[in-house]
Amino acid sequence: MEEKIKNLEKEIEIIKERNFRVETDKAWEVSWTRGLFIAISTYIIAGVWLVIIHDNLPWLKAFVPAIGYLLSVQSLPFVKKWWAKSHVK
């Protein structure tokens, strides 16, 4: 009996650890830190590419994909709610 209790306690701890990882991953997915990091990375990569191909105003034009990413991330919660209403029953 004591062995069963220890096994159950161990299983509960494993579940708690998994839940913590899942909650952390979910929080990271919707965090501003992640979004800004990706937007800044996108800006730098686009800017470097535009400089390499000798485009005019490369750093100004690099804002387009970065801002597009941020706007798309901001619209996703609304799109998700709309989608859930029509697809989840």
Protein backbone atom coordinates (compact mmCIF):
# COMPACT_ATOMS: atom_id res chain seq x y z
CA MET A 1 0.00 0.00 0.00
CA GLU A 2 2.81 2.38 0.90
CA GLU A 3 4.48 1.59 -2.43
CA LYS A 4 1.29 2.51 -4.31
CA ILE A 5 1.09 5.83 -2.50
CA LYS A 6 4.72 6.60 -3.35
CA ASN A 7 4.08 5.72 -7.00
CA LEU A 8 1.01 7.95 -7.07
CA GLU A 9 2.95 10.81 -5.48
CA LYS A 10 5.69 10.35 -8.09
CA GLU A 11 3.12 10.38 -10.90
CA ILE A 12 1.53 13.52 -9.49
CA GLU A 13 4.93 15.24 -9.42
CA ILE A 14 5.58 14.23 -13.02
CA ILE A 15 2.19 15.64 -14.04
CA LYS A 16 2.86 18.89 -12.15
CA GLU A 17 6.23 19.28 -13.86
CA ARG A 18 4.66 18.64 -17.27
CA ASN A 19 1.86 21.11 -16.57
CA PHE A 20 4.43 23.74 -15.56
CA ARG A 21 6.33 23.20 -18.84
CA VAL A 22 3.13 23.39 -20.88
CA GLU A 23 1.95 26.56 -19.11
CA THR A 24 5.39 28.14 -19.57
CA ASP A 25 5.37 27.27 -23.28
CA LYS A 26 1.89 28.75 -23.70
CA ALA A 27 2.90 31.93 -21.88
CA TRP A 28 6.02 32.22 -24.07
CA GLU A 29 3.96 31.81 -27.25
CA VAL A 30 1.81 34.85 -26.45
CA SER A 31 4.46 36.97 -24.71
CA TRP A 32 5.47 40.41 -25.93
CA THR A 33 9.11 39.43 -25.37
CA ARG A 34 8.86 36.67 -27.97
CA GLY A 35 6.94 38.86 -30.41
CA LEU A 36 9.37 41.75 -30.13
CA PHE A 37 12.38 39.45 -30.44
CA ILE A 38 10.99 37.95 -33.64
CA ALA A 39 10.04 41.38 -35.01
CA ILE A 40 13.50 42.79 -34.28
CA SER A 41 15.16 39.72 -35.81
CA THR A 42 12.94 40.07 -38.88
CA TYR A 43 13.83 43.76 -39.15
CA ILE A 44 17.57 43.06 -38.96
CA ILE A 45 17.47 40.18 -41.44
CA ALA A 46 15.33 42.14 -43.92
CA GLY A 47 17.54 45.20 -43.49
CA VAL A 48 20.73 43.25 -44.10
CA TRP A 49 19.21 41.58 -47.16
CA LEU A 50 18.10 44.94 -48.58
CA VAL A 51 21.58 46.37 -47.99
CA ILE A 52 23.17 43.36 -49.72
CA ILE A 53 20.98 43.79 -52.80
CA HIS A 54 21.65 47.56 -52.77
CA ASP A 55 18.03 48.59 -52.39
CA ASN A 56 17.37 52.22 -51.57
CA LEU A 57 16.20 53.03 -48.02
CA PRO A 58 16.84 49.47 -46.79
CA TRP A 59 16.37 50.15 -43.07
CA LEU A 60 13.13 52.00 -43.63
CA LYS A 61 11.78 49.26 -45.91
CA ALA A 62 12.82 46.60 -43.40
CA PHE A 63 10.09 47.89 -41.10
CA VAL A 64 7.39 46.50 -43.42
CA PRO A 65 7.82 42.78 -42.58
CA ALA A 66 8.58 43.50 -38.91
CA ILE A 67 5.45 45.62 -38.45
CA GLY A 68 3.46 43.10 -40.50
CA TYR A 69 4.52 40.37 -38.11
CA LEU A 70 3.54 42.39 -35.04
CA LEU A 71 0.15 43.25 -36.54
CA SER A 72 -0.51 39.63 -37.44
CA VAL A 73 0.37 38.50 -33.92
CA GLN A 74 -1.99 41.08 -32.46
CA SER A 75 -4.84 39.97 -34.71
CA LEU A 76 -4.44 36.26 -33.95
CA PRO A 77 -6.49 36.23 -30.71
CA PHE A 78 -9.44 37.76 -32.58
CA VAL A 79 -9.03 35.34 -35.49
CA LYS A 80 -8.77 32.42 -33.07
CA LYS A 81 -12.04 33.41 -31.34
CA TRP A 82 -13.79 33.77 -34.69
CA TRP A 83 -12.45 30.41 -35.86
CA ALA A 84 -13.39 28.67 -32.61
CA LYS A 85 -16.98 29.88 -32.87
CA SER A 86 -17.42 28.39 -36.31
CA HIS A 87 -15.36 25.20 -35.96
CA VAL A 88 -15.51 24.00 -32.37
CA LYS A 89 -18.79 22.44 -31.44
